[in-house]
Amino acid sequence: MARPATTGLNKAAKASGAEERLPFFLAADDVKAAAEAWYRWLAKEKRFSRHTLRAYGLDLSVYLSFLSEHLGEPAGMADLQSLRLADFRAYLSQRRTAGVGATSVARNLSAVRSFFRRLQKDGRIDNAAANLVRTPKRPHSVPKPLSVKAAQQMIEAVDEADAAPWLQARDAAILTLLWGAGLRLGEALGLDGDKIPQGDSLTVTGKGNKQRLVPILPVVRAAIAAYVKLCPYEIGAGTPLFYGARGKRVDPAIVQKAMRNARRMLSLPETATPHALRHSFATHLLAAGGDLRTIQELLGHASLATTQRYTEVDAEALLRVYDAAHPRAKSGARA
């Protein structure tokens, strides 16, 4: 199946408050209009991040493209009402056949369910099958943090990269902020110029537009101050804190590329990503005696269960130390 194209629905994109263009929805006019309204609702009411909004939009676009092929014509509202459980299972089967992983398929289905729930709330259709299809079982994953030494080396590497000094300082400041305060990359890059840390804490707006207070270490303040001093663009209220080379808010892909280059230089695994620094923040706090509830608040996790994954990381680290150093482990007598 061909990948759905995008279309320049600029007016709708501006109305949504989203920076990304609306996806192309292959459907009958009534479903297309409902899909575009749903997309704007996610942006304005649910306040999805740009990344999540784009992902959900593309997920629904792919689903409606599948339905067009599955039904033999673009789906109308009456078609959505009459879909059976077998039709949803056919979609999941098609995604798995295309080689899409369980985690991605689960997110695909989440977007589709969100659209159907919105249609039901608006009184457009009432199809229970969308909520009856089982979500694929996601593989249990454990966060893969960096060691303290590796995190330090990573920041030093980007600070010495082959780039303009202010860009080196910017990348080092961003990575220091991720590791030192546990921010998501999108949260860090979304900071405005009036958010330059001055004291010991910073208010961050995270997922779902929820705000939280995070501690700011002196080393984080110093790294950001060094970047601000070198930055050639104005930094203040209404401007980005972190600029790209062309004077716009820096794109996440630029930071990810800088970290890719650094990890290759340092021979670090592919799991050494910007998000791994956030994992490192949590794991290093836990290892130093931090309690889960506090770490949950600092990370902005809605559920404690999400934070509890870091206890598994800590346990694995303890076992590695035990196996490497304990006499009974060395002798093979571990019980």
C-alpha atoms as a PDB file:
ATOM      1  CA  MET A   1       0.000   0.000   0.000  1.00  0.00           C
ATOM      2  CA  ALA A   2       1.333   3.403  -0.929  1.00  0.00           C
ATOM      3  CA  ARG A   3       2.199   5.716   1.908  1.00  0.00           C
ATOM      4  CA  PRO A   4      -0.440   8.478   2.193  1.00  0.00           C
ATOM      5  CA  ALA A   5       0.638  11.856   0.906  1.00  0.00           C
ATOM      6  CA  THR A   6       0.289  15.120   2.747  1.00  0.00           C
ATOM      7  CA  THR A   7      -1.691  18.099   1.558  1.00  0.00           C
ATOM      8  CA  GLY A   8      -1.355  21.792   2.233  1.00  0.00           C
ATOM      9  CA  LEU A   9      -4.483  22.453   4.277  1.00  0.00           C
ATOM     10  CA  ASN A  10      -2.889  25.611   5.612  1.00  0.00           C
ATOM     11  CA  LYS A  11      -6.016  27.266   6.953  1.00  0.00           C
ATOM     12  CA  ALA A  12      -6.987  24.173   8.907  1.00  0.00           C
ATOM     13  CA  ALA A  13      -3.448  23.803  10.246  1.00  0.00           C
ATOM     14  CA  LYS A  14      -3.458  27.394  11.483  1.00  0.00           C
ATOM     15  CA  ALA A  15      -6.847  26.877  13.101  1.00  0.00           C
ATOM     16  CA  SER A  16      -5.510  23.842  14.920  1.00  0.00           C
ATOM     17  CA  GLY A  17      -2.591  25.767  16.341  1.00  0.00           C
ATOM     18  CA  ALA A  18      -0.336  23.012  15.011  1.00  0.00           C
ATOM     19  CA  GLU A  19       2.904  23.770  13.225  1.00  0.00           C
ATOM     20  CA  GLU A  20       2.589  20.642  11.114  1.00  0.00           C
ATOM     21  CA  ARG A  21       0.315  20.426   8.107  1.00  0.00           C
ATOM     22  CA  LEU A  22      -2.768  18.288   8.429  1.00  0.00           C
ATOM     23  CA  PRO A  23      -2.336  14.755   7.086  1.00  0.00           C
ATOM     24  CA  PHE A  24      -4.073  13.671   3.912  1.00  0.00           C
ATOM     25  CA  PHE A  25      -7.223  11.763   4.834  1.00  0.00           C
ATOM     26  CA  LEU A  26      -8.394   9.395   2.082  1.00  0.00           C
ATOM     27  CA  ALA A  27     -12.117   9.128   2.827  1.00  0.00           C
ATOM     28  CA  ALA A  28     -15.559  10.359   1.811  1.00  0.00           C
ATOM     29  CA  ASP A  29     -16.187  14.034   2.456  1.00  0.00           C
ATOM     30  CA  ASP A  30     -18.134  13.508   5.703  1.00  0.00           C
ATOM     31  CA  VAL A  31     -15.397  11.339   7.240  1.00  0.00           C
ATOM     32  CA  LYS A  32     -12.648  13.634   5.951  1.00  0.00           C
ATOM     33  CA  ALA A  33     -14.286  16.651   7.595  1.00  0.00           C
ATOM     34  CA  ALA A  34     -14.720  14.711  10.851  1.00  0.00           C
ATOM     35  CA  ALA A  35     -11.072  13.582  10.739  1.00  0.00           C
ATOM     36  CA  GLU A  36      -9.862  17.152  10.286  1.00  0.00           C
ATOM     37  CA  ALA A  37     -12.070  18.340  13.164  1.00  0.00           C
ATOM     38  CA  TRP A  38     -10.682  15.532  15.352  1.00  0.00           C
ATOM     39  CA  TYR A  39      -7.126  16.553  14.442  1.00  0.00           C
ATOM     40  CA  ARG A  40      -7.805  20.173  15.409  1.00  0.00           C
ATOM     41  CA  TRP A  41      -9.419  18.996  18.662  1.00  0.00           C
ATOM     42  CA  LEU A  42      -6.282  17.029  19.565  1.00  0.00           C
ATOM     43  CA  ALA A  43      -4.195  20.165  19.017  1.00  0.00           C
ATOM     44  CA  LYS A  44      -6.403  22.788  20.672  1.00  0.00           C
ATOM     45  CA  GLU A  45      -8.249  20.894  23.406  1.00  0.00           C
ATOM     46  CA  LYS A  46      -6.017  17.936  24.190  1.00  0.00           C
ATOM     47  CA  ARG A  47      -2.892  20.027  23.551  1.00  0.00           C
ATOM     48  CA  PHE A  48      -0.911  17.138  22.105  1.00  0.00           C
ATOM     49  CA  SER A  49       2.739  17.829  21.462  1.00  0.00           C
ATOM     50  CA  ARG A  50       3.717  18.445  17.847  1.00  0.00           C
ATOM     51  CA  HIS A  51       5.337  15.002  17.663  1.00  0.00           C
ATOM     52  CA  THR A  52       2.315  13.143  19.109  1.00  0.00           C
ATOM     53  CA  LEU A  53      -0.130  15.153  17.017  1.00  0.00           C
ATOM     54  CA  ARG A  54       1.743  14.339  13.830  1.00  0.00           C
ATOM     55  CA  ALA A  55       1.947  10.645  14.779  1.00  0.00           C
ATOM     56  CA  TYR A  56      -1.780  10.388  15.535  1.00  0.00           C
ATOM     57  CA  GLY A  57      -2.670  12.202  12.322  1.00  0.00           C
ATOM     58  CA  LEU A  58      -0.535   9.884  10.222  1.00  0.00           C
ATOM     59  CA  ASP A  59      -1.904   6.849  12.069  1.00  0.00           C
ATOM     60  CA  LEU A  60      -5.480   7.787  11.176  1.00  0.00           C
ATOM     61  CA  SER A  61      -4.430   8.640   7.619  1.00  0.00           C
ATOM     62  CA  VAL A  62      -2.922   5.162   7.200  1.00  0.00           C
ATOM     63  CA  TYR A  63      -6.062   3.585   8.682  1.00  0.00           C
ATOM     64  CA  LEU A  64      -8.427   5.443   6.354  1.00  0.00           C
ATOM     65  CA  SER A  65      -6.204   4.481   3.403  1.00  0.00           C
ATOM     66  CA  PHE A  66      -6.473   0.857   4.523  1.00  0.00           C
ATOM     67  CA  LEU A  67     -10.269   1.142   4.739  1.00  0.00           C
ATOM     68  CA  SER A  68     -10.430   2.560   1.217  1.00  0.00           C
ATOM     69  CA  GLU A  69      -8.655  -0.526  -0.074  1.00  0.00           C
ATOM     70  CA  HIS A  70     -10.471  -2.889   2.288  1.00  0.00           C
ATOM     71  CA  LEU A  71     -13.944  -1.614   1.325  1.00  0.00           C
ATOM     72  CA  GLY A  72     -13.164  -0.903  -2.310  1.00  0.00           C
ATOM     73  CA  GLU A  73     -13.995   2.813  -2.006  1.00  0.00           C
ATOM     74  CA  PRO A  74     -13.311   5.756   0.333  1.00  0.00           C
ATOM     75  CA  ALA A  75     -15.105   5.147   3.638  1.00  0.00           C
ATOM     76  CA  GLY A  76     -18.140   7.252   4.516  1.00  0.00           C
ATOM     77  CA  MET A  77     -19.723   7.724   7.925  1.00  0.00           C
ATOM     78  CA  ALA A  78     -22.215   4.893   7.246  1.00  0.00           C
ATOM     79  CA  ASP A  79     -19.263   2.572   6.539  1.00  0.00           C
ATOM     80  CA  LEU A  80     -17.629   3.456   9.872  1.00  0.00           C
ATOM     81  CA  GLN A  81     -20.899   2.700  11.644  1.00  0.00           C
ATOM     82  CA  SER A  82     -21.168  -0.746  10.071  1.00  0.00           C
ATOM     83  CA  LEU A  83     -17.572  -1.897  10.623  1.00  0.00           C
ATOM     84  CA  ARG A  84     -17.319  -5.222  12.439  1.00  0.00           C
ATOM     85  CA  LEU A  85     -14.695  -6.571  14.783  1.00  0.00           C
ATOM     86  CA  ALA A  86     -13.313  -8.640  11.887  1.00  0.00           C
ATOM     87  CA  ASP A  87     -12.667  -5.420   9.924  1.00  0.00           C
ATOM     88  CA  PHE A  88     -10.540  -3.997  12.738  1.00  0.00           C
ATOM     89  CA  ARG A  89      -8.675  -7.281  13.047  1.00  0.00           C
ATOM     90  CA  ALA A  90      -7.966  -7.168   9.315  1.00  0.00           C
ATOM     91  CA  TYR A  91      -6.352  -3.767   9.810  1.00  0.00           C
ATOM     92  CA  LEU A  92      -4.130  -5.073  12.623  1.00  0.00           C
ATOM     93  CA  SER A  93      -3.201  -8.070  10.506  1.00  0.00           C
ATOM     94  CA  GLN A  94      -2.250  -5.810   7.614  1.00  0.00           C
ATOM     95  CA  ARG A  95      -0.002  -3.722   9.903  1.00  0.00           C
ATOM     96  CA  ARG A  96       1.747  -6.807  11.277  1.00  0.00           C
ATOM     97  CA  THR A  97       2.221  -8.195   7.752  1.00  0.00           C
ATOM     98  CA  ALA A  98       3.832  -4.884   6.809  1.00  0.00           C
ATOM     99  CA  GLY A  99       6.401  -5.518   9.539  1.00  0.00           C
ATOM    100  CA  VAL A 100       5.149  -2.908  12.010  1.00  0.00           C
ATOM    101  CA  GLY A 101       6.148  -3.749  15.607  1.00  0.00           C
ATOM    102  CA  ALA A 102       3.695  -4.392  18.421  1.00  0.00           C
ATOM    103  CA  THR A 103       4.390  -1.065  20.144  1.00  0.00           C
ATOM    104  CA  SER A 104       3.738   0.907  16.960  1.00  0.00           C
ATOM    105  CA  VAL A 105       0.614  -1.105  16.146  1.00  0.00           C
ATOM    106  CA  ALA A 106      -0.693  -0.394  19.649  1.00  0.00           C
ATOM    107  CA  ARG A 107      -0.211   3.331  19.052  1.00  0.00           C
ATOM    108  CA  ASN A 108      -1.864   3.035  15.610  1.00  0.00           C
ATOM    109  CA  LEU A 109      -4.887   1.454  17.246  1.00  0.00           C
ATOM    110  CA  SER A 110      -4.930   4.087  19.986  1.00  0.00           C
ATOM    111  CA  ALA A 111      -5.266   6.831  17.361  1.00  0.00           C
ATOM    112  CA  VAL A 112      -8.080   4.999  15.591  1.00  0.00           C
ATOM    113  CA  ARG A 113      -9.939   4.459  18.866  1.00  0.00           C
ATOM    114  CA  SER A 114      -9.520   8.124  19.736  1.00  0.00           C
ATOM    115  CA  PHE A 115     -11.162   9.080  16.432  1.00  0.00           C
ATOM    116  CA  PHE A 116     -14.057   6.662  16.926  1.00  0.00           C
ATOM    117  CA  ARG A 117     -14.596   7.861  20.515  1.00  0.00           C
ATOM    118  CA  ARG A 118     -14.759  11.426  19.257  1.00  0.00           C
ATOM    119  CA  LEU A 119     -17.326  10.459  16.626  1.00  0.00           C
ATOM    120  CA  GLN A 120     -19.396   8.724  19.312  1.00  0.00           C
ATOM    121  CA  LYS A 121     -19.189  11.720  21.660  1.00  0.00           C
ATOM    122  CA  ASP A 122     -20.329  14.009  18.826  1.00  0.00           C
ATOM    123  CA  GLY A 123     -23.273  11.704  18.125  1.00  0.00           C
ATOM    124  CA  ARG A 124     -22.062  10.816  14.628  1.00  0.00           C
ATOM    125  CA  ILE A 125     -21.795   7.037  15.035  1.00  0.00           C
ATOM    126  CA  ASP A 126     -21.948   4.416  17.780  1.00  0.00           C
ATOM    127  CA  ASN A 127     -19.697   1.504  16.864  1.00  0.00           C
ATOM    128  CA  ALA A 128     -18.629  -0.597  19.854  1.00  0.00           C
ATOM    129  CA  ALA A 129     -16.318  -2.819  17.788  1.00  0.00           C
ATOM    130  CA  ALA A 130     -13.503  -0.244  17.892  1.00  0.00           C
ATOM    131  CA  ASN A 131     -13.243  -0.672  21.662  1.00  0.00           C
ATOM    132  CA  LEU A 132     -13.558  -4.463  21.575  1.00  0.00           C
ATOM    133  CA  VAL A 133     -10.515  -5.208  19.425  1.00  0.00           C
ATOM    134  CA  ARG A 134      -7.585  -6.275  21.582  1.00  0.00           C
ATOM    135  CA  THR A 135      -4.489  -4.135  21.738  1.00  0.00           C
ATOM    136  CA  PRO A 136      -1.369  -6.110  20.688  1.00  0.00           C
ATOM    137  CA  LYS A 137       0.716  -7.143  23.670  1.00  0.00           C
ATOM    138  CA  ARG A 138       3.660  -4.800  23.913  1.00  0.00           C
ATOM    139  CA  PRO A 139       7.103  -6.224  24.713  1.00  0.00           C
ATOM    140  CA  HIS A 140       8.229  -5.443  28.235  1.00  0.00           C
ATOM    141  CA  SER A 141      10.964  -2.873  27.965  1.00  0.00           C
ATOM    142  CA  VAL A 142      13.363  -1.610  30.577  1.00  0.00           C
ATOM    143  CA  PRO A 143      14.893   1.883  30.234  1.00  0.00           C
ATOM    144  CA  LYS A 144      18.497   1.863  29.033  1.00  0.00           C
ATOM    145  CA  PRO A 145      20.301   4.696  30.813  1.00  0.00           C
ATOM    146  CA  LEU A 146      23.872   5.815  30.354  1.00  0.00           C
ATOM    147  CA  SER A 147      26.471   5.489  33.057  1.00  0.00           C
ATOM    148  CA  VAL A 148      27.587   8.688  34.774  1.00  0.00           C
ATOM    149  CA  LYS A 149      30.898   8.531  32.883  1.00  0.00           C
ATOM    150  CA  ALA A 150      29.212   7.944  29.504  1.00  0.00           C
ATOM    151  CA  ALA A 151      26.777  10.815  30.050  1.00  0.00           C
ATOM    152  CA  GLN A 152      29.662  13.155  30.887  1.00  0.00           C
ATOM    153  CA  GLN A 153      31.630  11.999  27.861  1.00  0.00           C
ATOM    154  CA  MET A 154      28.614  12.521  25.611  1.00  0.00           C
ATOM    155  CA  ILE A 155      28.209  16.139  26.727  1.00  0.00           C
ATOM    156  CA  GLU A 156      31.933  16.787  26.345  1.00  0.00           C
ATOM    157  CA  ALA A 157      31.864  15.283  22.844  1.00  0.00           C
ATOM    158  CA  VAL A 158      29.101  17.561  21.532  1.00  0.00           C
ATOM    159  CA  ASP A 159      30.836  20.526  23.186  1.00  0.00           C
ATOM    160  CA  GLU A 160      33.917  19.765  21.108  1.00  0.00           C
ATOM    161  CA  ALA A 161      32.163  18.913  17.840  1.00  0.00           C
ATOM    162  CA  ASP A 162      33.112  20.356  14.468  1.00  0.00           C
ATOM    163  CA  ALA A 163      30.582  23.205  14.551  1.00  0.00           C
ATOM    164  CA  ALA A 164      30.356  26.887  15.394  1.00  0.00           C
ATOM    165  CA  PRO A 165      31.201  27.517  19.069  1.00  0.00           C
ATOM    166  CA  TRP A 166      27.673  28.723  19.871  1.00  0.00           C
ATOM    167  CA  LEU A 167      26.182  25.548  18.350  1.00  0.00           C
ATOM    168  CA  GLN A 168      28.582  23.419  20.374  1.00  0.00           C
ATOM    169  CA  ALA A 169      27.526  25.294  23.507  1.00  0.00           C
ATOM    170  CA  ARG A 170      23.850  24.923  22.590  1.00  0.00           C
ATOM    171  CA  ASP A 171      24.035  21.152  22.185  1.00  0.00           C
ATOM    172  CA  ALA A 172      26.003  20.778  25.426  1.00  0.00           C
ATOM    173  CA  ALA A 173      23.460  22.945  27.260  1.00  0.00           C
ATOM    174  CA  ILE A 174      20.526  20.889  25.924  1.00  0.00           C
ATOM    175  CA  LEU A 175      22.087  17.542  26.867  1.00  0.00           C
ATOM    176  CA  THR A 176      23.093  18.870  30.286  1.00  0.00           C
ATOM    177  CA  LEU A 177      19.490  19.982  30.825  1.00  0.00           C
ATOM    178  CA  LEU A 178      18.117  16.552  29.828  1.00  0.00           C
ATOM    179  CA  TRP A 179      20.477  14.732  32.177  1.00  0.00           C
ATOM    180  CA  GLY A 180      20.497  17.266  35.003  1.00  0.00           C
ATOM    181  CA  ALA A 181      16.748  17.927  35.157  1.00  0.00           C
ATOM    182  CA  GLY A 182      15.179  14.854  33.531  1.00  0.00           C
ATOM    183  CA  LEU A 183      13.388  16.773  30.777  1.00  0.00           C
ATOM    184  CA  ARG A 184      12.008  15.215  27.639  1.00  0.00           C
ATOM    185  CA  LEU A 185      13.720  16.547  24.511  1.00  0.00           C
ATOM    186  CA  GLY A 186      10.510  18.234  23.358  1.00  0.00           C
ATOM    187  CA  GLU A 187      10.120  19.927  26.740  1.00  0.00           C
ATOM    188  CA  ALA A 188      13.653  21.326  26.601  1.00  0.00           C
ATOM    189  CA  LEU A 189      13.369  22.568  23.023  1.00  0.00           C
ATOM    190  CA  GLY A 190       9.952  24.051  23.741  1.00  0.00           C
ATOM    191  CA  LEU A 191      11.331  26.439  26.365  1.00  0.00           C
ATOM    192  CA  ASP A 192      11.048  30.116  25.519  1.00  0.00           C
ATOM    193  CA  GLY A 193      13.714  32.747  26.048  1.00  0.00           C
ATOM    194  CA  ASP A 194      12.162  34.034  29.261  1.00  0.00           C
ATOM    195  CA  LYS A 195      12.734  30.593  30.826  1.00  0.00           C
ATOM    196  CA  ILE A 196      16.494  30.983  31.237  1.00  0.00           C
ATOM    197  CA  PRO A 197      17.082  29.344  34.646  1.00  0.00           C
ATOM    198  CA  GLN A 198      17.984  31.945  37.255  1.00  0.00           C
ATOM    199  CA  GLY A 199      17.342  30.061  40.473  1.00  0.00           C
ATOM    200  CA  ASP A 200      17.283  26.508  41.768  1.00  0.00           C
ATOM    201  CA  SER A 201      14.121  25.407  39.933  1.00  0.00           C
ATOM    202  CA  LEU A 202      12.290  25.739  36.649  1.00  0.00           C
ATOM    203  CA  THR A 203       8.612  25.305  35.735  1.00  0.00           C
ATOM    204  CA  VAL A 204       8.263  22.954  32.762  1.00  0.00           C
ATOM    205  CA  THR A 205       5.162  22.255  30.679  1.00  0.00           C
ATOM    206  CA  GLY A 206       4.997  18.565  29.805  1.00  0.00           C
ATOM    207  CA  LYS A 207       2.553  16.102  28.290  1.00  0.00           C
ATOM    208  CA  GLY A 208      -1.098  17.066  28.453  1.00  0.00           C
ATOM    209  CA  ASN A 209      -0.047  20.674  29.125  1.00  0.00           C
ATOM    210  CA  LYS A 210       0.742  19.674  32.720  1.00  0.00           C
ATOM    211  CA  GLN A 211       3.249  21.801  34.549  1.00  0.00           C
ATOM    212  CA  ARG A 212       5.830  20.579  37.024  1.00  0.00           C
ATOM    213  CA  LEU A 213       8.712  22.063  38.970  1.00  0.00           C
ATOM    214  CA  VAL A 214      12.159  20.615  38.310  1.00  0.00           C
ATOM    215  CA  PRO A 215      15.403  21.375  40.170  1.00  0.00           C
ATOM    216  CA  ILE A 216      18.139  23.184  38.259  1.00  0.00           C
ATOM    217  CA  LEU A 217      21.693  22.362  39.280  1.00  0.00           C
ATOM    218  CA  PRO A 218      24.456  24.993  39.068  1.00  0.00           C
ATOM    219  CA  VAL A 219      26.114  23.009  36.258  1.00  0.00           C
ATOM    220  CA  VAL A 220      22.879  23.215  34.228  1.00  0.00           C
ATOM    221  CA  ARG A 221      22.603  26.978  34.781  1.00  0.00           C
ATOM    222  CA  ALA A 222      26.256  27.410  33.826  1.00  0.00           C
ATOM    223  CA  ALA A 223      25.867  25.399  30.603  1.00  0.00           C
ATOM    224  CA  ILE A 224      22.802  27.373  29.521  1.00  0.00           C
ATOM    225  CA  ALA A 225      24.456  30.683  30.452  1.00  0.00           C
ATOM    226  CA  ALA A 226      27.505  29.786  28.340  1.00  0.00           C
ATOM    227  CA  TYR A 227      25.248  29.099  25.350  1.00  0.00           C
ATOM    228  CA  VAL A 228      23.191  32.295  25.838  1.00  0.00           C
ATOM    229  CA  LYS A 229      26.385  34.369  25.938  1.00  0.00           C
ATOM    230  CA  LEU A 230      27.515  32.981  22.570  1.00  0.00           C
ATOM    231  CA  CYS A 231      24.128  32.789  20.806  1.00  0.00           C
ATOM    232  CA  PRO A 232      23.928  35.328  17.945  1.00  0.00           C
ATOM    233  CA  TYR A 233      20.155  35.655  18.167  1.00  0.00           C
ATOM    234  CA  GLU A 234      17.994  37.587  20.605  1.00  0.00           C
ATOM    235  CA  ILE A 235      16.772  35.526  23.540  1.00  0.00           C
ATOM    236  CA  GLY A 236      13.831  36.791  25.574  1.00  0.00           C
ATOM    237  CA  ALA A 237      10.074  36.653  26.033  1.00  0.00           C
ATOM    238  CA  GLY A 238       8.411  35.344  22.879  1.00  0.00           C
ATOM    239  CA  THR A 239      11.604  33.884  21.406  1.00  0.00           C
ATOM    240  CA  PRO A 240      12.992  30.338  21.573  1.00  0.00           C
ATOM    241  CA  LEU A 241      15.569  29.609  24.230  1.00  0.00           C
ATOM    242  CA  PHE A 242      17.367  27.171  21.944  1.00  0.00           C
ATOM    243  CA  TYR A 243      17.896  28.373  18.377  1.00  0.00           C
ATOM    244  CA  GLY A 244      18.789  26.450  15.251  1.00  0.00           C
ATOM    245  CA  ALA A 245      21.508  27.705  12.899  1.00  0.00           C
ATOM    246  CA  ARG A 246      18.945  29.555  10.754  1.00  0.00           C
ATOM    247  CA  GLY A 247      17.411  31.508  13.602  1.00  0.00           C
ATOM    248  CA  LYS A 248      14.378  29.333  14.286  1.00  0.00           C
ATOM    249  CA  ARG A 249      13.588  27.026  17.180  1.00  0.00           C
ATOM    250  CA  VAL A 250      15.987  24.098  16.976  1.00  0.00           C
ATOM    251  CA  ASP A 251      14.500  20.912  15.555  1.00  0.00           C
ATOM    252  CA  PRO A 252      14.730  17.688  17.633  1.00  0.00           C
ATOM    253  CA  ALA A 253      16.391  15.939  14.687  1.00  0.00           C
ATOM    254  CA  ILE A 254      19.394  18.280  14.987  1.00  0.00           C
ATOM    255  CA  VAL A 255      19.989  17.286  18.618  1.00  0.00           C
ATOM    256  CA  GLN A 256      19.464  13.617  17.806  1.00  0.00           C
ATOM    257  CA  LYS A 257      22.017  13.856  14.997  1.00  0.00           C
ATOM    258  CA  ALA A 258      24.559  15.526  17.286  1.00  0.00           C
ATOM    259  CA  MET A 259      24.146  12.725  19.795  1.00  0.00           C
ATOM    260  CA  ARG A 260      24.413  10.066  17.077  1.00  0.00           C
ATOM    261  CA  ASN A 261      27.733  11.526  15.981  1.00  0.00           C
ATOM    262  CA  ALA A 262      28.966  11.675  19.574  1.00  0.00           C
ATOM    263  CA  ARG A 263      28.033   8.102  20.406  1.00  0.00           C
ATOM    264  CA  ARG A 264      29.818   6.835  17.292  1.00  0.00           C
ATOM    265  CA  MET A 265      32.934   8.721  18.353  1.00  0.00           C
ATOM    266  CA  LEU A 266      32.670   7.219  21.841  1.00  0.00           C
ATOM    267  CA  SER A 267      31.649   3.730  20.620  1.00  0.00           C
ATOM    268  CA  LEU A 268      28.448   3.844  22.673  1.00  0.00           C
ATOM    269  CA  PRO A 269      25.403   1.673  21.808  1.00  0.00           C
ATOM    270  CA  GLU A 270      22.503   2.923  19.688  1.00  0.00           C
ATOM    271  CA  THR A 271      20.428   3.193  22.868  1.00  0.00           C
ATOM    272  CA  ALA A 272      22.507   6.281  23.781  1.00  0.00           C
ATOM    273  CA  THR A 273      19.836   8.756  22.658  1.00  0.00           C
ATOM    274  CA  PRO A 274      18.639  12.094  24.090  1.00  0.00           C
ATOM    275  CA  HIS A 275      15.854  10.214  25.888  1.00  0.00           C
ATOM    276  CA  ALA A 276      18.464   7.932  27.463  1.00  0.00           C
ATOM    277  CA  LEU A 277      19.756  10.988  29.333  1.00  0.00           C
ATOM    278  CA  ARG A 278      16.297  11.393  30.894  1.00  0.00           C
ATOM    279  CA  HIS A 279      16.435   7.708  31.845  1.00  0.00           C
ATOM    280  CA  SER A 280      19.875   8.334  33.303  1.00  0.00           C
ATOM    281  CA  PHE A 281      18.540  11.190  35.418  1.00  0.00           C
ATOM    282  CA  ALA A 282      15.945   8.879  36.978  1.00  0.00           C
ATOM    283  CA  THR A 283      18.235   5.880  37.401  1.00  0.00           C
ATOM    284  CA  HIS A 284      21.057   7.875  38.974  1.00  0.00           C
ATOM    285  CA  LEU A 285      18.600   9.493  41.408  1.00  0.00           C
ATOM    286  CA  LEU A 286      17.221   6.094  42.364  1.00  0.00           C
ATOM    287  CA  ALA A 287      20.712   4.668  42.860  1.00  0.00           C
ATOM    288  CA  ALA A 288      21.522   7.596  45.149  1.00  0.00           C
ATOM    289  CA  GLY A 289      18.511   6.857  47.348  1.00  0.00           C
ATOM    290  CA  GLY A 290      15.757   8.930  45.717  1.00  0.00           C
ATOM    291  CA  ASP A 291      12.223   7.658  46.357  1.00  0.00           C
ATOM    292  CA  LEU A 292       9.918   6.676  43.509  1.00  0.00           C
ATOM    293  CA  ARG A 293       7.182   9.202  44.302  1.00  0.00           C
ATOM    294  CA  THR A 294       9.603  12.120  44.121  1.00  0.00           C
ATOM    295  CA  ILE A 295      11.155  10.811  40.913  1.00  0.00           C
ATOM    296  CA  GLN A 296       7.648  10.386  39.465  1.00  0.00           C
ATOM    297  CA  GLU A 297       6.916  14.055  40.135  1.00  0.00           C
ATOM    298  CA  LEU A 298      10.238  15.198  38.697  1.00  0.00           C
ATOM    299  CA  LEU A 299       9.728  13.189  35.503  1.00  0.00           C
ATOM    300  CA  GLY A 300       6.090  14.196  35.112  1.00  0.00           C
ATOM    301  CA  HIS A 301       4.845  10.616  34.918  1.00  0.00           C
ATOM    302  CA  ALA A 302       1.071  10.293  35.223  1.00  0.00           C
ATOM    303  CA  SER A 303       1.408   6.773  36.637  1.00  0.00           C
ATOM    304  CA  LEU A 304       3.788   5.461  39.286  1.00  0.00           C
ATOM    305  CA  ALA A 305       3.901   2.201  37.311  1.00  0.00           C
ATOM    306  CA  THR A 306       5.869   3.996  34.584  1.00  0.00           C
ATOM    307  CA  THR A 307       8.424   5.199  37.119  1.00  0.00           C
ATOM    308  CA  GLN A 308       8.704   1.745  38.694  1.00  0.00           C
ATOM    309  CA  ARG A 309      10.487   0.473  35.576  1.00  0.00           C
ATOM    310  CA  TYR A 310      13.596   2.169  36.900  1.00  0.00           C
ATOM    311  CA  THR A 311      13.683  -0.178  39.887  1.00  0.00           C
ATOM    312  CA  GLU A 312      14.299  -3.007  37.399  1.00  0.00           C
ATOM    313  CA  VAL A 313      17.241  -1.095  35.938  1.00  0.00           C
ATOM    314  CA  ASP A 314      18.663  -0.568  39.420  1.00  0.00           C
ATOM    315  CA  ALA A 315      18.201  -4.262  40.276  1.00  0.00           C
ATOM    316  CA  GLU A 316      19.966  -5.308  37.064  1.00  0.00           C
ATOM    317  CA  ALA A 317      22.890  -3.039  37.908  1.00  0.00           C
ATOM    318  CA  LEU A 318      23.148  -4.525  41.393  1.00  0.00           C
ATOM    319  CA  LEU A 319      23.174  -8.044  39.965  1.00  0.00           C
ATOM    320  CA  ARG A 320      25.940  -7.137  37.525  1.00  0.00           C
ATOM    321  CA  VAL A 321      28.040  -5.771  40.380  1.00  0.00           C
ATOM    322  CA  TYR A 322      27.280  -8.903  42.423  1.00  0.00           C
ATOM    323  CA  ASP A 323      28.229 -11.243  39.581  1.00  0.00           C
ATOM    324  CA  ALA A 324      31.458  -9.340  38.918  1.00  0.00           C
ATOM    325  CA  ALA A 325      32.645  -8.874  42.477  1.00  0.00           C
ATOM    326  CA  HIS A 326      31.037 -11.214  44.980  1.00  0.00           C
ATOM    327  CA  PRO A 327      33.138 -14.292  45.905  1.00  0.00           C
ATOM    328  CA  ARG A 328      30.150 -16.635  45.839  1.00  0.00           C
ATOM    329  CA  ALA A 329      29.100 -15.334  42.418  1.00  0.00           C
ATOM    330  CA  LYS A 330      32.640 -15.815  41.110  1.00  0.00           C
ATOM    331  CA  SER A 331      32.764 -19.369  42.375  1.00  0.00           C
ATOM    332  CA  GLY A 332      29.454 -20.216  40.745  1.00  0.00           C
ATOM    333  CA  ALA A 333      27.827 -20.799  44.131  1.00  0.00           C
ATOM    334  CA  ARG A 334      25.202 -18.092  43.778  1.00  0.00           C
ATOM    335  CA  ALA A 335      21.896 -19.353  45.210  1.00  0.00           C
END
